[in-house]
Amino acid sequence: MASGRFVDPMTLLRVTPLVTSTAAVMFSVDQYLFLDNLLAPPHREQMNELVPSYYKTFFRKGIWVIMTAYPLSIATGIANVYRSSGGTTVAAKLSDGNNGAGRWYAAGAALAFAHYAFVPSIMYKVQALFEGEGKGEGEQGPQAVAGRPPGEVGAGGCALVALLRDGLPQVSWAPVKKGWVGV
């Protein structure tokens, strides 16, 4: 509820970049494990047949993670920059006010945005596999994605440092009619 009775909106805003970055990292690790497995010697002979159908099912189900986690990391990082310290200009908000948390939120948002820099290098390979034109080139798709470290690790690290510099959210327990609820 937006009233803060159950969840403080500012706490939710401060924690969201770390949560969404963690989700994106886990998705990237999962993607790496599955795609790297297709490159293993026992599967290389079958790769040209497996990869196109794999991409069709995996990407359709997984694209929502990419299209929600990264933009949420970016948007909440930017929102935290504006929320973090006093001042009316961006330069003032990125200054040392509030222990420099604004700079860390900004760096995390920038690193999350940088993930999209890799899209042009793989999108045509993935599209060819999607359209069935990639037959015989099954190895290129997994190699394009599997060898890249998740850029969201840096964004998650920045979000963690920003949260620590901003001050950890306080959780208190208040009695409610039936049981206890965190507020």
N, C-alpha and C. Protein backbone atom coordinates (compact mmCIF):
# COMPACT_ATOMS: atom_id res chain seq x y z
N MET A 1 0.84 -1.17 0.00
CA MET A 1 0.00 0.00 0.00
C MET A 1 0.89 1.24 0.00
N ALA A 2 0.48 2.22 -0.75
CA ALA A 2 1.29 3.42 -0.92
C ALA A 2 1.35 4.27 0.34
N SER A 3 0.48 4.02 1.30
CA SER A 3 0.46 4.83 2.51
C SER A 3 1.68 4.60 3.38
N GLY A 4 2.41 3.55 3.15
CA GLY A 4 3.56 3.23 3.97
C GLY A 4 3.21 2.33 5.14
N ARG A 5 1.95 1.94 5.24
CA ARG A 5 1.54 1.09 6.35
C ARG A 5 2.25 -0.26 6.27
N PHE A 6 2.33 -0.85 5.11
CA PHE A 6 2.98 -2.14 4.95
C PHE A 6 4.37 -2.02 4.34
N VAL A 7 4.52 -1.14 3.37
CA VAL A 7 5.80 -0.93 2.70
C VAL A 7 6.03 0.56 2.53
N ASP A 8 7.16 1.02 2.99
CA ASP A 8 7.51 2.42 2.79
C ASP A 8 7.93 2.61 1.33
N PRO A 9 7.27 3.48 0.58
CA PRO A 9 7.59 3.66 -0.83
C PRO A 9 9.04 4.07 -1.08
N MET A 10 9.61 4.88 -0.18
CA MET A 10 11.00 5.31 -0.36
C MET A 10 11.96 4.13 -0.15
N THR A 11 11.64 3.26 0.78
CA THR A 11 12.45 2.07 0.98
C THR A 11 12.38 1.17 -0.25
N LEU A 12 11.19 1.01 -0.78
CA LEU A 12 11.01 0.21 -1.99
C LEU A 12 11.80 0.80 -3.15
N LEU A 13 11.76 2.12 -3.30
CA LEU A 13 12.52 2.78 -4.36
C LEU A 13 14.02 2.57 -4.19
N ARG A 14 14.51 2.64 -2.97
CA ARG A 14 15.95 2.48 -2.72
C ARG A 14 16.42 1.06 -2.95
N VAL A 15 15.59 0.08 -2.66
CA VAL A 15 15.99 -1.33 -2.76
C VAL A 15 15.81 -1.89 -4.17
N THR A 16 14.88 -1.34 -4.94
CA THR A 16 14.54 -1.90 -6.25
C THR A 16 15.72 -2.05 -7.21
N PRO A 17 16.64 -1.08 -7.33
CA PRO A 17 17.76 -1.31 -8.25
C PRO A 17 18.59 -2.54 -7.90
N LEU A 18 18.78 -2.81 -6.63
CA LEU A 18 19.53 -3.99 -6.21
C LEU A 18 18.75 -5.27 -6.52
N VAL A 19 17.46 -5.26 -6.28
CA VAL A 19 16.63 -6.45 -6.53
C VAL A 19 16.56 -6.75 -8.03
N THR A 20 16.32 -5.73 -8.85
CA THR A 20 16.21 -5.96 -10.29
C THR A 20 17.56 -6.33 -10.90
N SER A 21 18.64 -5.75 -10.39
CA SER A 21 19.97 -6.12 -10.87
C SER A 21 20.28 -7.57 -10.53
N THR A 22 19.90 -7.99 -9.33
CA THR A 22 20.11 -9.38 -8.93
C THR A 22 19.31 -10.32 -9.82
N ALA A 23 18.08 -9.95 -10.14
CA ALA A 23 17.26 -10.78 -11.03
C ALA A 23 17.91 -10.89 -12.41
N ALA A 24 18.42 -9.78 -12.92
CA ALA A 24 19.07 -9.79 -14.23
C ALA A 24 20.35 -10.62 -14.22
N VAL A 25 21.11 -10.55 -13.13
CA VAL A 25 22.33 -11.36 -13.01
C VAL A 25 21.96 -12.84 -13.02
N MET A 26 20.96 -13.21 -12.26
CA MET A 26 20.55 -14.62 -12.21
C MET A 26 20.06 -15.10 -13.58
N PHE A 27 19.34 -14.26 -14.29
CA PHE A 27 18.89 -14.62 -15.63
C PHE A 27 20.10 -14.79 -16.56
N SER A 28 21.07 -13.89 -16.45
CA SER A 28 22.27 -13.98 -17.29
C SER A 28 23.07 -15.24 -16.99
N VAL A 29 23.20 -15.58 -15.71
CA VAL A 29 23.93 -16.79 -15.33
C VAL A 29 23.19 -18.01 -15.86
N ASP A 30 21.88 -18.03 -15.71
CA ASP A 30 21.08 -19.14 -16.21
C ASP A 30 21.23 -19.28 -17.73
N GLN A 31 21.16 -18.17 -18.42
CA GLN A 31 21.32 -18.16 -19.88
C GLN A 31 22.71 -18.68 -20.25
N TYR A 32 23.73 -18.23 -19.55
CA TYR A 32 25.09 -18.69 -19.82
C TYR A 32 25.21 -20.21 -19.62
N LEU A 33 24.67 -20.71 -18.52
CA LEU A 33 24.78 -22.14 -18.24
C LEU A 33 24.12 -22.98 -19.32
N PHE A 34 22.94 -22.58 -19.77
CA PHE A 34 22.25 -23.35 -20.79
C PHE A 34 22.92 -23.22 -22.16
N LEU A 35 23.31 -22.00 -22.53
CA LEU A 35 23.92 -21.81 -23.84
C LEU A 35 25.31 -22.43 -23.90
N ASP A 36 26.07 -22.31 -22.83
CA ASP A 36 27.40 -22.90 -22.80
C ASP A 36 27.32 -24.43 -22.89
N ASN A 37 26.28 -24.99 -22.33
CA ASN A 37 26.08 -26.43 -22.41
C ASN A 37 25.90 -26.89 -23.85
N LEU A 38 25.27 -26.06 -24.66
CA LEU A 38 25.09 -26.41 -26.07
C LEU A 38 26.42 -26.42 -26.83
N LEU A 39 27.41 -25.71 -26.32
CA LEU A 39 28.73 -25.66 -26.96
C LEU A 39 29.63 -26.80 -26.51
N ALA A 40 29.20 -27.59 -25.53
CA ALA A 40 30.02 -28.70 -25.03
C ALA A 40 30.18 -29.76 -26.11
N PRO A 41 31.33 -30.46 -26.12
CA PRO A 41 31.60 -31.45 -27.17
C PRO A 41 30.50 -32.49 -27.40
N PRO A 42 29.83 -33.02 -26.38
CA PRO A 42 28.80 -34.01 -26.67
C PRO A 42 27.61 -33.47 -27.47
N HIS A 43 27.42 -32.16 -27.47
CA HIS A 43 26.25 -31.58 -28.13
C HIS A 43 26.59 -30.89 -29.45
N ARG A 44 27.85 -30.75 -29.77
CA ARG A 44 28.24 -29.98 -30.96
C ARG A 44 27.66 -30.53 -32.25
N GLU A 45 27.56 -31.85 -32.37
CA GLU A 45 27.03 -32.44 -33.60
C GLU A 45 25.55 -32.13 -33.78
N GLN A 46 24.83 -32.01 -32.67
CA GLN A 46 23.39 -31.78 -32.74
C GLN A 46 23.04 -30.29 -32.67
N MET A 47 24.04 -29.44 -32.48
CA MET A 47 23.79 -28.03 -32.24
C MET A 47 23.02 -27.35 -33.35
N ASN A 48 23.35 -27.64 -34.59
CA ASN A 48 22.69 -26.96 -35.70
C ASN A 48 21.20 -27.26 -35.77
N GLU A 49 20.81 -28.41 -35.24
CA GLU A 49 19.39 -28.75 -35.20
C GLU A 49 18.71 -28.21 -33.93
N LEU A 50 19.43 -28.21 -32.82
CA LEU A 50 18.83 -27.82 -31.54
C LEU A 50 18.70 -26.31 -31.35
N VAL A 51 19.71 -25.59 -31.76
CA VAL A 51 19.78 -24.16 -31.43
C VAL A 51 18.61 -23.34 -31.99
N PRO A 52 18.24 -23.48 -33.28
CA PRO A 52 17.12 -22.64 -33.75
C PRO A 52 15.83 -22.85 -32.96
N SER A 53 15.46 -24.09 -32.67
CA SER A 53 14.23 -24.31 -31.91
C SER A 53 14.39 -23.86 -30.46
N TYR A 54 15.59 -24.03 -29.91
CA TYR A 54 15.87 -23.59 -28.55
C TYR A 54 15.69 -22.08 -28.44
N TYR A 55 16.24 -21.34 -29.40
CA TYR A 55 16.13 -19.88 -29.36
C TYR A 55 14.69 -19.43 -29.46
N LYS A 56 13.91 -20.10 -30.30
CA LYS A 56 12.50 -19.71 -30.44
C LYS A 56 11.75 -19.84 -29.12
N THR A 57 11.97 -20.93 -28.41
CA THR A 57 11.23 -21.12 -27.16
C THR A 57 11.84 -20.32 -26.01
N PHE A 58 13.16 -20.32 -25.90
CA PHE A 58 13.83 -19.65 -24.79
C PHE A 58 13.65 -18.14 -24.85
N PHE A 59 13.85 -17.54 -26.00
CA PHE A 59 13.79 -16.09 -26.10
C PHE A 59 12.37 -15.57 -25.94
N ARG A 60 11.39 -16.29 -26.44
CA ARG A 60 10.01 -15.84 -26.26
C ARG A 60 9.61 -15.84 -24.80
N LYS A 61 10.11 -16.81 -24.06
CA LYS A 61 9.78 -16.88 -22.63
C LYS A 61 10.66 -15.97 -21.80
N GLY A 62 11.88 -15.73 -22.23
CA GLY A 62 12.84 -14.99 -21.41
C GLY A 62 12.95 -13.51 -21.71
N ILE A 63 12.42 -13.06 -22.84
CA ILE A 63 12.60 -11.66 -23.22
C ILE A 63 11.93 -10.71 -22.21
N TRP A 64 10.88 -11.18 -21.55
CA TRP A 64 10.20 -10.31 -20.58
C TRP A 64 11.11 -9.97 -19.41
N VAL A 65 12.05 -10.88 -19.06
CA VAL A 65 12.99 -10.58 -17.97
C VAL A 65 13.89 -9.43 -18.39
N ILE A 66 14.40 -9.51 -19.61
CA ILE A 66 15.30 -8.47 -20.12
C ILE A 66 14.56 -7.14 -20.27
N MET A 67 13.32 -7.21 -20.71
CA MET A 67 12.57 -5.98 -20.98
C MET A 67 11.90 -5.40 -19.72
N THR A 68 12.02 -6.08 -18.58
CA THR A 68 11.52 -5.49 -17.33
C THR A 68 12.65 -5.22 -16.34
N ALA A 69 13.55 -6.17 -16.15
CA ALA A 69 14.60 -6.00 -15.13
C ALA A 69 15.53 -4.85 -15.46
N TYR A 70 16.02 -4.79 -16.68
CA TYR A 70 16.97 -3.72 -17.03
C TYR A 70 16.31 -2.34 -17.00
N PRO A 71 15.16 -2.15 -17.65
CA PRO A 71 14.54 -0.82 -17.56
C PRO A 71 14.16 -0.42 -16.13
N LEU A 72 13.74 -1.39 -15.29
CA LEU A 72 13.44 -1.06 -13.90
C LEU A 72 14.71 -0.64 -13.15
N SER A 73 15.82 -1.31 -13.42
CA SER A 73 17.09 -0.92 -12.80
C SER A 73 17.47 0.50 -13.21
N ILE A 74 17.29 0.79 -14.48
CA ILE A 74 17.64 2.12 -15.00
C ILE A 74 16.71 3.19 -14.41
N ALA A 75 15.41 2.95 -14.48
CA ALA A 75 14.43 3.95 -14.03
C ALA A 75 14.53 4.21 -12.53
N THR A 76 14.65 3.16 -11.74
CA THR A 76 14.72 3.38 -10.29
C THR A 76 16.08 3.95 -9.87
N GLY A 77 17.12 3.63 -10.63
CA GLY A 77 18.42 4.25 -10.37
C GLY A 77 18.36 5.75 -10.60
N ILE A 78 17.74 6.15 -11.70
CA ILE A 78 17.60 7.58 -12.01
C ILE A 78 16.70 8.25 -10.97
N ALA A 79 15.60 7.58 -10.60
CA ALA A 79 14.71 8.14 -9.59
C ALA A 79 15.44 8.33 -8.26
N ASN A 80 16.31 7.40 -7.93
CA ASN A 80 17.08 7.52 -6.69
C ASN A 80 18.10 8.65 -6.76
N VAL A 81 18.63 8.92 -7.93
CA VAL A 81 19.55 10.06 -8.08
C VAL A 81 18.80 11.35 -7.72
N TYR A 82 17.59 11.48 -8.26
CA TYR A 82 16.81 12.68 -7.99
C TYR A 82 16.30 12.74 -6.55
N ARG A 83 16.09 11.59 -5.94
CA ARG A 83 15.61 11.53 -4.57
C ARG A 83 16.73 11.72 -3.56
N SER A 84 17.94 11.30 -3.93
CA SER A 84 19.02 11.12 -2.96
C SER A 84 19.43 12.37 -2.19
N SER A 85 19.95 13.37 -2.85
CA SER A 85 20.50 14.49 -2.08
C SER A 85 19.82 15.79 -2.46
N GLY A 86 20.12 16.81 -1.68
CA GLY A 86 19.54 18.12 -1.93
C GLY A 86 20.07 18.72 -3.21
N GLY A 87 19.60 19.88 -3.53
CA GLY A 87 20.03 20.56 -4.75
C GLY A 87 18.99 20.42 -5.83
N THR A 88 19.03 21.33 -6.75
CA THR A 88 18.03 21.30 -7.82
C THR A 88 18.62 20.89 -9.15
N THR A 89 19.94 20.91 -9.27
CA THR A 89 20.55 20.53 -10.54
C THR A 89 21.09 19.11 -10.45
N VAL A 90 21.27 18.50 -11.60
CA VAL A 90 21.82 17.14 -11.63
C VAL A 90 23.20 17.13 -11.00
N ALA A 91 24.00 18.16 -11.28
CA ALA A 91 25.35 18.23 -10.70
C ALA A 91 25.27 18.26 -9.18
N ALA A 92 24.32 18.99 -8.63
CA ALA A 92 24.17 19.05 -7.18
C ALA A 92 23.75 17.70 -6.62
N LYS A 93 22.90 16.99 -7.34
CA LYS A 93 22.43 15.70 -6.88
C LYS A 93 23.53 14.64 -6.95
N LEU A 94 24.49 14.82 -7.86
CA LEU A 94 25.59 13.87 -7.98
C LEU A 94 26.78 14.26 -7.11
N SER A 95 26.65 15.35 -6.38
CA SER A 95 27.76 15.79 -5.53
C SER A 95 27.89 14.89 -4.31
N ASP A 96 28.72 15.28 -3.40
CA ASP A 96 28.98 14.46 -2.22
C ASP A 96 27.86 14.46 -1.19
N GLY A 97 26.78 15.17 -1.45
CA GLY A 97 25.66 15.15 -0.52
C GLY A 97 25.14 13.73 -0.35
N ASN A 98 24.65 13.42 0.82
CA ASN A 98 24.09 12.10 1.14
C ASN A 98 25.13 11.00 0.93
N ASN A 99 26.37 11.29 1.30
CA ASN A 99 27.47 10.32 1.22
C ASN A 99 27.74 9.81 -0.19
N GLY A 100 27.40 10.56 -1.20
CA GLY A 100 27.68 10.17 -2.57
C GLY A 100 26.81 9.07 -3.12
N ALA A 101 25.70 8.75 -2.47
CA ALA A 101 24.82 7.67 -2.94
C ALA A 101 24.29 7.95 -4.34
N GLY A 102 24.01 9.22 -4.63
CA GLY A 102 23.49 9.58 -5.95
C GLY A 102 24.42 9.18 -7.08
N ARG A 103 25.72 9.35 -6.85
CA ARG A 103 26.70 8.95 -7.88
C ARG A 103 26.65 7.45 -8.12
N TRP A 104 26.50 6.69 -7.05
CA TRP A 104 26.46 5.23 -7.19
C TRP A 104 25.17 4.77 -7.86
N TYR A 105 24.05 5.41 -7.53
CA TYR A 105 22.80 5.08 -8.23
C TYR A 105 22.93 5.41 -9.72
N ALA A 106 23.54 6.55 -10.03
CA ALA A 106 23.73 6.95 -11.43
C ALA A 106 24.64 5.97 -12.16
N ALA A 107 25.73 5.56 -11.52
CA ALA A 107 26.64 4.60 -12.15
C ALA A 107 25.94 3.27 -12.38
N GLY A 108 25.13 2.83 -11.44
CA GLY A 108 24.38 1.58 -11.61
C GLY A 108 23.40 1.67 -12.75
N ALA A 109 22.69 2.79 -12.86
CA ALA A 109 21.75 2.98 -13.97
C ALA A 109 22.49 2.99 -15.31
N ALA A 110 23.65 3.64 -15.34
CA ALA A 110 24.44 3.69 -16.58
C ALA A 110 24.94 2.29 -16.98
N LEU A 111 25.38 1.51 -16.01
CA LEU A 111 25.84 0.16 -16.32
C LEU A 111 24.70 -0.75 -16.76
N ALA A 112 23.54 -0.58 -16.18
CA ALA A 112 22.37 -1.35 -16.62
C ALA A 112 22.01 -0.97 -18.05
N PHE A 113 22.09 0.33 -18.37
CA PHE A 113 21.82 0.79 -19.72
C PHE A 113 22.85 0.25 -20.70
N ALA A 114 24.09 0.11 -20.25
CA ALA A 114 25.17 -0.38 -21.11
C ALA A 114 24.92 -1.81 -21.60
N HIS A 115 24.08 -2.54 -20.90
CA HIS A 115 23.74 -3.89 -21.35
C HIS A 115 23.20 -3.85 -22.78
N TYR A 116 22.46 -2.82 -23.10
CA TYR A 116 21.86 -2.70 -24.43
C TYR A 116 22.90 -2.43 -25.52
N ALA A 117 24.13 -2.11 -25.15
CA ALA A 117 25.19 -1.90 -26.14
C ALA A 117 25.54 -3.20 -26.86
N PHE A 118 25.28 -4.34 -26.21
CA PHE A 118 25.59 -5.62 -26.82
C PHE A 118 24.51 -6.09 -27.81
N VAL A 119 23.35 -5.46 -27.79
CA VAL A 119 22.24 -5.90 -28.63
C VAL A 119 22.62 -5.92 -30.11
N PRO A 120 23.22 -4.87 -30.67
CA PRO A 120 23.54 -4.91 -32.10
C PRO A 120 24.49 -6.05 -32.48
N SER A 121 25.37 -6.46 -31.57
CA SER A 121 26.32 -7.51 -31.92
C SER A 121 25.68 -8.90 -31.98
N ILE A 122 24.52 -9.09 -31.36
CA ILE A 122 23.91 -10.42 -31.40
C ILE A 122 22.54 -10.47 -32.07
N MET A 123 21.89 -9.33 -32.26
CA MET A 123 20.50 -9.37 -32.70
C MET A 123 20.33 -9.99 -34.09
N TYR A 124 21.27 -9.79 -34.99
CA TYR A 124 21.10 -10.35 -36.33
C TYR A 124 21.34 -11.86 -36.33
N LYS A 125 22.24 -12.32 -35.49
CA LYS A 125 22.47 -13.77 -35.36
C LYS A 125 21.25 -14.45 -34.76
N VAL A 126 20.68 -13.83 -33.75
CA VAL A 126 19.48 -14.40 -33.11
C VAL A 126 18.31 -14.35 -34.08
N GLN A 127 18.16 -13.25 -34.81
CA GLN A 127 17.07 -13.14 -35.78
C GLN A 127 17.20 -14.20 -36.87
N ALA A 128 18.42 -14.45 -37.34
CA ALA A 128 18.63 -15.48 -38.36
C ALA A 128 18.24 -16.85 -37.82
N LEU A 129 18.56 -17.13 -36.58
CA LEU A 129 18.17 -18.40 -35.98
C LEU A 129 16.65 -18.49 -35.81
N PHE A 130 16.04 -17.36 -35.46
CA PHE A 130 14.59 -17.31 -35.28
C PHE A 130 13.86 -17.60 -36.57
N GLU A 131 14.38 -17.05 -37.67
CA GLU A 131 13.71 -17.17 -38.96
C GLU A 131 14.12 -18.43 -39.72
N GLY A 132 14.94 -19.26 -39.11
CA GLY A 132 15.34 -20.50 -39.75
C GLY A 132 16.46 -20.35 -40.76
N GLU A 133 16.99 -19.13 -40.91
CA GLU A 133 18.07 -18.90 -41.85
C GLU A 133 19.41 -19.27 -41.25
N GLY A 134 19.42 -19.56 -39.96
CA GLY A 134 20.66 -19.84 -39.26
C GLY A 134 21.03 -21.31 -39.24
N LYS A 135 20.34 -22.12 -40.03
CA LYS A 135 20.68 -23.55 -40.08
C LYS A 135 22.13 -23.69 -40.52
N GLY A 136 22.86 -24.51 -39.83
CA GLY A 136 24.26 -24.70 -40.14
C GLY A 136 25.16 -23.69 -39.42
N GLU A 137 24.56 -22.71 -38.77
CA GLU A 137 25.32 -21.71 -38.02
C GLU A 137 24.89 -21.71 -36.56
N GLY A 138 24.49 -22.86 -36.07
CA GLY A 138 23.97 -22.95 -34.71
C GLY A 138 24.95 -22.54 -33.65
N GLU A 139 26.24 -22.64 -33.93
CA GLU A 139 27.26 -22.33 -32.93
C GLU A 139 27.40 -20.83 -32.69
N GLN A 140 27.08 -20.02 -33.69
CA GLN A 140 27.30 -18.58 -33.57
C GLN A 140 26.42 -17.93 -32.51
N GLY A 141 25.16 -18.32 -32.42
CA GLY A 141 24.25 -17.72 -31.44
C GLY A 141 24.71 -17.91 -30.01
N PRO A 142 24.93 -19.16 -29.57
CA PRO A 142 25.39 -19.36 -28.19
C PRO A 142 26.74 -18.72 -27.92
N GLN A 143 27.66 -18.74 -28.88
CA GLN A 143 28.96 -18.12 -28.65
C GLN A 143 28.84 -16.62 -28.49
N ALA A 144 27.90 -16.01 -29.20
CA ALA A 144 27.72 -14.56 -29.11
C ALA A 144 27.24 -14.14 -27.73
N VAL A 145 26.43 -14.99 -27.10
CA VAL A 145 25.86 -14.64 -25.80
C VAL A 145 26.62 -15.26 -24.65
N ALA A 146 27.03 -16.53 -24.79
CA ALA A 146 27.59 -17.28 -23.67
C ALA A 146 28.93 -16.74 -23.19
N GLY A 147 29.70 -16.12 -24.06
CA GLY A 147 31.02 -15.67 -23.65
C GLY A 147 31.04 -14.32 -22.97
N ARG A 148 29.89 -13.65 -22.82
CA ARG A 148 29.86 -12.31 -22.26
C ARG A 148 29.56 -12.34 -20.77
N PRO A 149 30.39 -11.66 -19.97
CA PRO A 149 30.04 -11.58 -18.55
C PRO A 149 28.84 -10.67 -18.38
N PRO A 150 27.98 -10.97 -17.46
CA PRO A 150 26.79 -10.12 -17.30
C PRO A 150 27.16 -8.73 -16.83
N GLY A 151 26.82 -7.73 -17.62
CA GLY A 151 27.12 -6.34 -17.27
C GLY A 151 26.34 -5.88 -16.06
N GLU A 152 25.30 -6.61 -15.73
CA GLU A 152 24.46 -6.22 -14.61
C GLU A 152 25.15 -6.45 -13.27
N VAL A 153 26.25 -7.23 -13.26
CA VAL A 153 26.99 -7.43 -12.02
C VAL A 153 27.51 -6.08 -11.51
N GLY A 154 28.03 -5.27 -12.41
CA GLY A 154 28.51 -3.94 -12.03
C GLY A 154 27.37 -3.05 -11.56
N ALA A 155 26.23 -3.12 -12.23
CA ALA A 155 25.08 -2.32 -11.82
C ALA A 155 24.59 -2.76 -10.44
N GLY A 156 24.59 -4.05 -10.20
CA GLY A 156 24.18 -4.56 -8.89
C GLY A 156 25.15 -4.13 -7.80
N GLY A 157 26.44 -4.16 -8.11
CA GLY A 157 27.44 -3.70 -7.15
C GLY A 157 27.26 -2.24 -6.82
N CYS A 158 27.01 -1.43 -7.84
CA CYS A 158 26.78 0.00 -7.61
C CYS A 158 25.51 0.22 -6.78
N ALA A 159 24.46 -0.55 -7.07
CA ALA A 159 23.22 -0.42 -6.31
C ALA A 159 23.44 -0.79 -4.84
N LEU A 160 24.24 -1.81 -4.60
CA LEU A 160 24.54 -2.22 -3.22
C LEU A 160 25.31 -1.13 -2.49
N VAL A 161 26.34 -0.58 -3.13
CA VAL A 161 27.13 0.50 -2.51
C VAL A 161 26.24 1.72 -2.26
N ALA A 162 25.39 2.06 -3.24
CA ALA A 162 24.49 3.21 -3.07
C ALA A 162 23.56 2.99 -1.89
N LEU A 163 23.02 1.79 -1.78
CA LEU A 163 22.11 1.49 -0.67
C LEU A 163 22.83 1.58 0.67
N LEU A 164 24.05 1.08 0.71
CA LEU A 164 24.83 1.16 1.95
C LEU A 164 25.18 2.60 2.30
N ARG A 165 25.51 3.40 1.30
CA ARG A 165 25.85 4.80 1.55
C ARG A 165 24.60 5.62 1.90
N ASP A 166 23.48 5.23 1.32
CA ASP A 166 22.22 5.92 1.56
C ASP A 166 21.67 5.59 2.95
N GLY A 167 22.13 4.51 3.52
CA GLY A 167 21.62 4.06 4.81
C GLY A 167 20.67 2.90 4.59
N LEU A 168 20.91 1.81 5.26
CA LEU A 168 20.04 0.64 5.10
C LEU A 168 18.63 0.97 5.56
N PRO A 169 17.65 0.45 4.83
CA PRO A 169 16.26 0.68 5.24
C PRO A 169 16.00 0.10 6.63
N GLN A 170 15.25 0.83 7.42
CA GLN A 170 14.89 0.37 8.75
C GLN A 170 13.60 -0.43 8.68
N VAL A 171 13.60 -1.58 9.31
CA VAL A 171 12.41 -2.40 9.37
C VAL A 171 12.00 -2.49 10.83
N SER A 172 10.77 -2.17 11.10
CA SER A 172 10.28 -2.32 12.47
C SER A 172 9.04 -3.21 12.42
N TRP A 173 8.76 -3.83 13.50
CA TRP A 173 7.62 -4.74 13.57
C TRP A 173 6.56 -4.12 14.46
N ALA A 174 5.39 -3.98 13.91
CA ALA A 174 4.29 -3.37 14.66
C ALA A 174 3.14 -4.36 14.78
N PRO A 175 2.49 -4.36 15.91
CA PRO A 175 1.36 -5.28 16.06
C PRO A 175 0.18 -4.88 15.19
N VAL A 176 -0.47 -5.87 14.64
CA VAL A 176 -1.68 -5.69 13.86
C VAL A 176 -2.71 -6.60 14.50
N LYS A 177 -3.96 -6.44 14.20
CA LYS A 177 -5.00 -7.20 14.87
C LYS A 177 -4.69 -8.70 14.99
N LYS A 178 -4.31 -9.31 13.87
CA LYS A 178 -4.02 -10.75 13.90
C LYS A 178 -2.56 -10.96 13.52
N GLY A 179 -1.68 -11.04 14.47
CA GLY A 179 -0.27 -11.31 14.20
C GLY A 179 0.54 -10.04 14.06
N TRP A 180 1.74 -10.20 13.51
CA TRP A 180 2.69 -9.10 13.35
C TRP A 180 2.96 -8.89 11.88
N VAL A 181 3.12 -7.64 11.51
CA VAL A 181 3.40 -7.29 10.13
C VAL A 181 4.58 -6.34 10.11
N GLY A 182 5.52 -6.56 9.18
CA GLY A 182 6.65 -5.65 9.05
C GLY A 182 6.21 -4.34 8.44
N VAL A 183 6.67 -3.26 9.00
CA VAL A 183 6.31 -1.93 8.49
C VAL A 183 7.57 -1.16 8.21
